[in-house]
C-alpha atoms as a PDB file:
ATOM      1  CA  MET A   1     146.249  89.484   1.315  1.00  0.00           C
ATOM      2  CA  ILE A   2     142.806  90.912   2.070  1.00  0.00           C
ATOM      3  CA  GLU A   3     141.680  94.108   0.386  1.00  0.00           C
ATOM      4  CA  LEU A   4     138.427  96.054   0.432  1.00  0.00           C
ATOM      5  CA  ALA A   5     137.850  98.576  -2.358  1.00  0.00           C
ATOM      6  CA  ASN A   6     134.876 100.938  -1.969  1.00  0.00           C
ATOM      7  CA  ALA A   7     133.085  98.077  -0.226  1.00  0.00           C
ATOM      8  CA  ALA A   8     129.754  98.550   1.499  1.00  0.00           C
ATOM      9  CA  PHE A   9     127.263  96.421   3.371  1.00  0.00           C
ATOM     10  CA  THR A  10     123.543  97.065   3.596  1.00  0.00           C
ATOM     11  CA  TYR A  11     121.099  94.969   5.599  1.00  0.00           C
ATOM     12  CA  GLY A  12     117.321  95.306   5.567  1.00  0.00           C
ATOM     13  CA  GLY A  13     117.599  98.542   3.648  1.00  0.00           C
ATOM     14  CA  GLU A  14     119.886 100.045   6.300  1.00  0.00           C
ATOM     15  CA  GLU A  15     123.407 101.095   5.376  1.00  0.00           C
ATOM     16  CA  ILE A  16     125.722  99.451   7.935  1.00  0.00           C
ATOM     17  CA  LEU A  17     129.084 100.242   6.324  1.00  0.00           C
ATOM     18  CA  THR A  18     129.996 102.277   3.258  1.00  0.00           C
ATOM     19  CA  ASP A  19     133.036 103.322   1.202  1.00  0.00           C
ATOM     20  CA  LEU A  20     135.361 100.854   2.935  1.00  0.00           C
ATOM     21  CA  ASN A  21     138.941 100.909   1.703  1.00  0.00           C
ATOM     22  CA  LEU A  22     141.339  98.665   3.578  1.00  0.00           C
ATOM     23  CA  ARG A  23     144.412  96.616   2.711  1.00  0.00           C
ATOM     24  CA  LEU A  24     145.776  94.003   5.078  1.00  0.00           C
ATOM     25  CA  ALA A  25     149.332  93.609   3.810  1.00  0.00           C
ATOM     26  CA  PRO A  26     151.541  90.641   4.738  1.00  0.00           C
ATOM     27  CA  GLY A  27     153.006  91.092   8.222  1.00  0.00           C
ATOM     28  CA  SER A  28     150.921  94.160   9.074  1.00  0.00           C
ATOM     29  CA  PHE A  29     149.174  94.818  12.393  1.00  0.00           C
ATOM     30  CA  HIS A  30     145.829  96.617  12.575  1.00  0.00           C
ATOM     31  CA  PHE A  31     143.437  97.643  15.327  1.00  0.00           C
ATOM     32  CA  LEU A  32     139.795  98.349  14.547  1.00  0.00           C
ATOM     33  CA  THR A  33     137.944 100.659  16.935  1.00  0.00           C
ATOM     34  CA  GLY A  34     134.529 102.242  17.213  1.00  0.00           C
ATOM     35  CA  PRO A  35     131.542 102.278  19.573  1.00  0.00           C
ATOM     36  CA  SER A  36     129.360  99.231  20.112  1.00  0.00           C
ATOM     37  CA  GLY A  37     127.049  98.747  17.152  1.00  0.00           C
ATOM     38  CA  SER A  38     129.253 100.727  14.776  1.00  0.00           C
ATOM     39  CA  GLY A  39     129.881  97.746  12.489  1.00  0.00           C
ATOM     40  CA  LYS A  40     133.236  96.362  13.683  1.00  0.00           C
ATOM     41  CA  THR A  41     132.081  92.753  13.658  1.00  0.00           C
ATOM     42  CA  THR A  42     130.404  93.235  10.278  1.00  0.00           C
ATOM     43  CA  LEU A  43     133.692  94.489   8.830  1.00  0.00           C
ATOM     44  CA  LEU A  44     135.546  91.487  10.246  1.00  0.00           C
ATOM     45  CA  ARG A  45     132.941  89.156   8.741  1.00  0.00           C
ATOM     46  CA  LEU A  46     133.496  90.765   5.346  1.00  0.00           C
ATOM     47  CA  CYS A  47     137.235  90.160   5.754  1.00  0.00           C
ATOM     48  CA  TYR A  48     136.835  86.458   6.509  1.00  0.00           C
ATOM     49  CA  MET A  49     134.100  85.978   3.905  1.00  0.00           C
ATOM     50  CA  GLU A  50     131.206  85.130   6.183  1.00  0.00           C
ATOM     51  CA  LEU A  51     129.387  88.087   4.597  1.00  0.00           C
ATOM     52  CA  LEU A  52     129.510  89.357   1.021  1.00  0.00           C
ATOM     53  CA  ALA A  53     129.767  93.074   0.322  1.00  0.00           C
ATOM     54  CA  THR A  54     126.560  94.486  -1.176  1.00  0.00           C
ATOM     55  CA  HIS A  55     128.592  97.047  -3.123  1.00  0.00           C
ATOM     56  CA  GLY A  56     132.242  97.413  -4.072  1.00  0.00           C
ATOM     57  CA  GLN A  57     134.803  94.642  -3.990  1.00  0.00           C
ATOM     58  CA  VAL A  58     136.530  92.405  -1.459  1.00  0.00           C
ATOM     59  CA  ASN A  59     139.644  90.526  -2.585  1.00  0.00           C
ATOM     60  CA  SER A  60     140.986  87.585  -0.604  1.00  0.00           C
ATOM     61  CA  PHE A  61     144.522  86.480  -1.508  1.00  0.00           C
ATOM     62  CA  GLY A  62     144.242  88.116  -4.897  1.00  0.00           C
ATOM     63  CA  VAL A  63     140.789  86.802  -5.846  1.00  0.00           C
ATOM     64  CA  ASP A  64     137.481  88.706  -5.889  1.00  0.00           C
ATOM     65  CA  VAL A  65     135.377  87.007  -3.193  1.00  0.00           C
ATOM     66  CA  ALA A  66     132.204  87.547  -5.254  1.00  0.00           C
ATOM     67  CA  THR A  67     133.590  85.244  -7.962  1.00  0.00           C
ATOM     68  CA  MET A  68     134.670  82.441  -5.629  1.00  0.00           C
ATOM     69  CA  SER A  69     132.946  79.086  -5.492  1.00  0.00           C
ATOM     70  CA  ARG A  70     132.008  77.590  -2.122  1.00  0.00           C
ATOM     71  CA  ASP A  71     135.082  75.340  -2.265  1.00  0.00           C
ATOM     72  CA  GLN A  72     137.362  78.286  -3.058  1.00  0.00           C
ATOM     73  CA  VAL A  73     135.964  80.217  -0.093  1.00  0.00           C
ATOM     74  CA  ALA A  74     136.550  77.219   2.174  1.00  0.00           C
ATOM     75  CA  LEU A  75     140.164  76.921   1.010  1.00  0.00           C
ATOM     76  CA  ALA A  76     140.781  80.651   1.456  1.00  0.00           C
ATOM     77  CA  ARG A  77     139.332  80.561   4.976  1.00  0.00           C
ATOM     78  CA  ARG A  78     141.956  77.994   5.967  1.00  0.00           C
ATOM     79  CA  ARG A  79     144.483  80.797   5.560  1.00  0.00           C
ATOM     80  CA  ILE A  80     142.586  82.957   8.075  1.00  0.00           C
ATOM     81  CA  GLY A  81     142.495  82.218  11.808  1.00  0.00           C
ATOM     82  CA  ILE A  82     139.458  83.673  13.574  1.00  0.00           C
ATOM     83  CA  VAL A  83     139.050  84.387  17.286  1.00  0.00           C
ATOM     84  CA  HIS A  84     135.344  85.004  17.851  1.00  0.00           C
ATOM     85  CA  GLN A  85     134.075  87.181  20.659  1.00  0.00           C
ATOM     86  CA  ASP A  86     132.016  84.410  22.255  1.00  0.00           C
ATOM     87  CA  CYS A  87     134.722  81.656  22.162  1.00  0.00           C
ATOM     88  CA  GLN A  88     132.365  78.758  21.531  1.00  0.00           C
ATOM     89  CA  PHE A  89     133.647  75.201  21.962  1.00  0.00           C
ATOM     90  CA  LEU A  90     132.231  71.690  21.768  1.00  0.00           C
ATOM     91  CA  ASP A  91     131.590  70.931  25.424  1.00  0.00           C
ATOM     92  CA  HIS A  92     132.011  67.156  25.122  1.00  0.00           C
ATOM     93  CA  LEU A  93     135.556  67.492  23.736  1.00  0.00           C
ATOM     94  CA  SER A  94     138.694  68.285  25.705  1.00  0.00           C
ATOM     95  CA  VAL A  95     140.629  71.521  25.240  1.00  0.00           C
ATOM     96  CA  ALA A  96     143.213  69.727  23.088  1.00  0.00           C
ATOM     97  CA  GLU A  97     140.501  68.114  20.941  1.00  0.00           C
ATOM     98  CA  ASN A  98     138.747  71.452  20.436  1.00  0.00           C
ATOM     99  CA  ILE A  99     142.002  73.123  19.397  1.00  0.00           C
ATOM    100  CA  ALA A 100     142.784  70.284  16.968  1.00  0.00           C
ATOM    101  CA  LEU A 101     139.287  70.301  15.447  1.00  0.00           C
ATOM    102  CA  PRO A 102     140.210  72.508  12.427  1.00  0.00           C
ATOM    103  CA  LEU A 103     142.790  69.896  11.418  1.00  0.00           C
ATOM    104  CA  GLU A 104     140.186  67.164  11.298  1.00  0.00           C
ATOM    105  CA  VAL A 105     137.620  69.351   9.528  1.00  0.00           C
ATOM    106  CA  SER A 106     140.193  70.117   6.825  1.00  0.00           C
ATOM    107  CA  GLY A 107     140.953  66.415   6.377  1.00  0.00           C
ATOM    108  CA  ARG A 108     144.395  66.454   7.973  1.00  0.00           C
ATOM    109  CA  ASP A 109     145.493  63.694  10.344  1.00  0.00           C
ATOM    110  CA  ALA A 110     145.422  65.309  13.782  1.00  0.00           C
ATOM    111  CA  SER A 111     147.181  62.295  15.334  1.00  0.00           C
ATOM    112  CA  ALA A 112     150.178  62.949  13.088  1.00  0.00           C
ATOM    113  CA  GLU A 113     150.462  66.495  14.428  1.00  0.00           C
ATOM    114  CA  VAL A 114     150.423  65.749  18.147  1.00  0.00           C
ATOM    115  CA  GLY A 115     153.879  67.289  18.534  1.00  0.00           C
ATOM    116  CA  ASN A 116     152.740  70.562  17.000  1.00  0.00           C
ATOM    117  CA  LEU A 117     149.572  70.526  19.098  1.00  0.00           C
ATOM    118  CA  ASN A 118     151.510  69.995  22.332  1.00  0.00           C
ATOM    119  CA  GLU A 119     153.913  72.789  21.409  1.00  0.00           C
ATOM    120  CA  LEU A 120     150.990  75.117  20.729  1.00  0.00           C
ATOM    121  CA  LEU A 121     149.312  74.202  24.040  1.00  0.00           C
ATOM    122  CA  ALA A 122     152.532  75.045  25.869  1.00  0.00           C
ATOM    123  CA  TRP A 123     152.896  78.305  23.928  1.00  0.00           C
ATOM    124  CA  VAL A 124     149.486  79.542  25.118  1.00  0.00           C
ATOM    125  CA  GLY A 125     150.060  78.179  28.623  1.00  0.00           C
ATOM    126  CA  LEU A 126     147.442  75.429  28.470  1.00  0.00           C
ATOM    127  CA  ASP A 127     149.626  72.314  28.398  1.00  0.00           C
ATOM    128  CA  ARG A 128     148.418  71.354  31.895  1.00  0.00           C
ATOM    129  CA  ARG A 129     144.793  71.906  30.888  1.00  0.00           C
ATOM    130  CA  ALA A 130     144.861  69.833  27.702  1.00  0.00           C
ATOM    131  CA  GLU A 131     142.386  67.234  28.995  1.00  0.00           C
ATOM    132  CA  ALA A 132     140.059  69.709  30.701  1.00  0.00           C
ATOM    133  CA  LYS A 133     136.585  70.313  29.287  1.00  0.00           C
ATOM    134  CA  PRO A 134     135.664  73.849  28.121  1.00  0.00           C
ATOM    135  CA  ALA A 135     133.292  74.345  31.066  1.00  0.00           C
ATOM    136  CA  GLN A 136     136.258  73.951  33.425  1.00  0.00           C
ATOM    137  CA  LEU A 137     138.231  76.822  31.889  1.00  0.00           C
ATOM    138  CA  SER A 138     138.435  80.378  33.165  1.00  0.00           C
ATOM    139  CA  GLY A 139     137.676  83.297  30.859  1.00  0.00           C
ATOM    140  CA  GLY A 140     141.361  83.873  30.154  1.00  0.00           C
ATOM    141  CA  GLU A 141     141.964  80.198  29.453  1.00  0.00           C
ATOM    142  CA  ARG A 142     139.051  80.122  27.011  1.00  0.00           C
ATOM    143  CA  GLN A 143     140.473  83.119  25.138  1.00  0.00           C
ATOM    144  CA  ARG A 144     143.908  81.487  24.911  1.00  0.00           C
ATOM    145  CA  ALA A 145     142.318  78.226  23.742  1.00  0.00           C
ATOM    146  CA  ALA A 146     140.403  80.174  21.091  1.00  0.00           C
ATOM    147  CA  LEU A 147     143.651  81.764  19.892  1.00  0.00           C
ATOM    148  CA  ALA A 148     145.364  78.363  19.778  1.00  0.00           C
ATOM    149  CA  ARG A 149     142.486  76.943  17.731  1.00  0.00           C
ATOM    150  CA  ALA A 150     142.719  79.928  15.379  1.00  0.00           C
ATOM    151  CA  VAL A 151     146.422  79.368  14.666  1.00  0.00           C
ATOM    152  CA  ILE A 152     146.557  75.544  14.604  1.00  0.00           C
ATOM    153  CA  MET A 153     146.399  75.620  10.788  1.00  0.00           C
ATOM    154  CA  SER A 154     149.270  78.147  10.639  1.00  0.00           C
ATOM    155  CA  PRO A 155     147.146  80.810   8.908  1.00  0.00           C
ATOM    156  CA  ASP A 156     148.543  83.857   7.146  1.00  0.00           C
ATOM    157  CA  VAL A 157     146.016  86.210   8.762  1.00  0.00           C
ATOM    158  CA  ILE A 158     144.600  86.252  12.314  1.00  0.00           C
ATOM    159  CA  ILE A 159     141.363  88.165  12.909  1.00  0.00           C
ATOM    160  CA  ALA A 160     140.236  88.650  16.522  1.00  0.00           C
ATOM    161  CA  ASP A 161     136.925  90.186  17.591  1.00  0.00           C
ATOM    162  CA  GLU A 162     137.236  91.830  21.042  1.00  0.00           C
ATOM    163  CA  PRO A 163     139.587  89.054  22.251  1.00  0.00           C
ATOM    164  CA  THR A 164     140.250  90.755  25.603  1.00  0.00           C
ATOM    165  CA  GLY A 165     136.741  92.024  26.287  1.00  0.00           C
ATOM    166  CA  ASN A 166     135.893  89.607  29.113  1.00  0.00           C
ATOM    167  CA  ILE A 167     139.247  89.099  30.846  1.00  0.00           C
ATOM    168  CA  ASP A 168     141.334  91.065  33.337  1.00  0.00           C
ATOM    169  CA  TRP A 169     144.164  93.396  32.333  1.00  0.00           C
ATOM    170  CA  GLU A 170     146.977  90.988  33.189  1.00  0.00           C
ATOM    171  CA  MET A 171     145.449  88.276  31.021  1.00  0.00           C
ATOM    172  CA  ALA A 172     144.693  90.808  28.278  1.00  0.00           C
ATOM    173  CA  LEU A 173     148.378  91.733  28.136  1.00  0.00           C
ATOM    174  CA  ARG A 174     149.341  88.067  27.966  1.00  0.00           C
ATOM    175  CA  LEU A 175     146.982  87.496  25.049  1.00  0.00           C
ATOM    176  CA  LEU A 176     148.251  90.636  23.331  1.00  0.00           C
ATOM    177  CA  GLN A 177     151.824  89.392  23.705  1.00  0.00           C
ATOM    178  CA  LEU A 178     150.907  86.176  21.913  1.00  0.00           C
ATOM    179  CA  LEU A 179     149.428  88.180  19.048  1.00  0.00           C
ATOM    180  CA  VAL A 180     152.505  90.425  18.907  1.00  0.00           C
ATOM    181  CA  GLU A 181     154.718  87.337  18.728  1.00  0.00           C
ATOM    182  CA  LEU A 182     152.614  85.979  15.863  1.00  0.00           C
ATOM    183  CA  ASN A 183     153.002  89.292  14.050  1.00  0.00           C
ATOM    184  CA  LYS A 184     156.778  89.178  14.499  1.00  0.00           C
ATOM    185  CA  MET A 185     156.644  85.726  12.875  1.00  0.00           C
ATOM    186  CA  GLY A 186     155.160  87.382   9.785  1.00  0.00           C
ATOM    187  CA  LYS A 187     151.452  86.914  10.442  1.00  0.00           C
ATOM    188  CA  THR A 188     148.975  89.659   9.564  1.00  0.00           C
ATOM    189  CA  ILE A 189     146.877  90.698  12.574  1.00  0.00           C
ATOM    190  CA  LEU A 190     143.509  92.493  12.711  1.00  0.00           C
ATOM    191  CA  ILE A 191     141.986  93.087  16.155  1.00  0.00           C
ATOM    192  CA  ALA A 192     138.647  94.740  16.871  1.00  0.00           C
ATOM    193  CA  THR A 193     138.727  96.350  20.319  1.00  0.00           C
ATOM    194  CA  HIS A 194     137.408  99.235  22.367  1.00  0.00           C
ATOM    195  CA  ASP A 195     140.372  99.109  24.777  1.00  0.00           C
ATOM    196  CA  LEU A 196     142.637 102.085  24.061  1.00  0.00           C
ATOM    197  CA  ASN A 197     145.113 100.978  26.743  1.00  0.00           C
ATOM    198  CA  LEU A 198     145.583  97.714  24.850  1.00  0.00           C
ATOM    199  CA  ILE A 199     146.281  99.655  21.670  1.00  0.00           C
ATOM    200  CA  ARG A 200     148.795 101.941  23.399  1.00  0.00           C
ATOM    201  CA  ASN A 201     150.625  98.943  24.825  1.00  0.00           C
ATOM    202  CA  ALA A 202     150.793  97.234  21.428  1.00  0.00           C
ATOM    203  CA  LYS A 203     152.101 100.374  19.699  1.00  0.00           C
ATOM    204  CA  LYS A 204     155.137 100.258  21.992  1.00  0.00           C
ATOM    205  CA  GLN A 205     156.051  96.889  20.462  1.00  0.00           C
ATOM    206  CA  VAL A 206     154.833  96.882  16.857  1.00  0.00           C
ATOM    207  CA  ALA A 207     153.993  99.365  14.117  1.00  0.00           C
ATOM    208  CA  ALA A 208     150.240  99.045  14.573  1.00  0.00           C
ATOM    209  CA  ARG A 209     147.799 100.952  12.400  1.00  0.00           C
ATOM    210  CA  VAL A 210     144.638 102.093  14.183  1.00  0.00           C
ATOM    211  CA  LEU A 211     141.388 102.375  12.230  1.00  0.00           C
ATOM    212  CA  ARG A 212     138.080 103.724  13.489  1.00  0.00           C
ATOM    213  CA  ILE A 213     134.566 103.186  12.191  1.00  0.00           C
ATOM    214  CA  HIS A 214     132.661 106.485  12.338  1.00  0.00           C
ATOM    215  CA  LYS A 215     129.272 107.056  10.747  1.00  0.00           C
ATOM    216  CA  CYS A 216     129.520 103.845   8.700  1.00  0.00           C
ATOM    217  CA  LYS A 217     132.928 104.789   7.295  1.00  0.00           C
ATOM    218  CA  LEU A 218     136.471 103.656   8.059  1.00  0.00           C
ATOM    219  CA  GLN A 219     138.958 106.315   9.101  1.00  0.00           C
ATOM    220  CA  LEU A 220     142.595 106.359  10.214  1.00  0.00           C
ATOM    221  CA  ALA A 221     142.482 107.079  13.958  1.00  0.00           C
ATOM    222  CA  GLY A 222     144.354 110.017  15.428  1.00  0.00           C
ATOM    223  CA  ALA A 223     147.952 109.694  16.597  1.00  0.00           C
ATOM    224  CA  ASP A 224     146.980 110.627  20.150  1.00  0.00           C
ATOM    225  CA  LEU A 225     145.652 107.146  20.948  1.00  0.00           C
END
């Protein structure tokens, strides 16, 4: 689905990432670890085509990203659900409207998919908060809304950047369970996190691969995680 082959990214003359080799196969589950500033978010941005590799190759669904037109990139991104670290929403829209926004942006009739939207709201436990504004949500509710927005288009791949970084452990486990369920439905999952307890909990439920960025390079993490 997404594959990096000897990919690298340099910014302002500084080497951020180098010699990246990664394959996100259908139905696989990956954790990405590393200290703050190590390049985790940069790697995720390469995977969802917000950045272009300065060296090497990134393939998205069988196509070299460097050869894609803007329209091709936009179409490929519809197959990738992204949960950003900062969970930004449009404050004047309700939770339900924010979650449904990708449908409208893609030209689909959101009103025709109300049933799917309501089912998704219930799945993430926000059916009673559908009409609330983003400012009225707790941290955990915002993270669940962000996940719902990321999967509303039924993407093949879900990429989450520190999705549990600002919520308590109970809510983190709830969010992890949603991601595990998505993986069991055949979705490919890539999560950047510094929380080793989260990784240990996930490995009890799914065959998760753990990768670590160390000195600009990607390594398979040790089995003692």
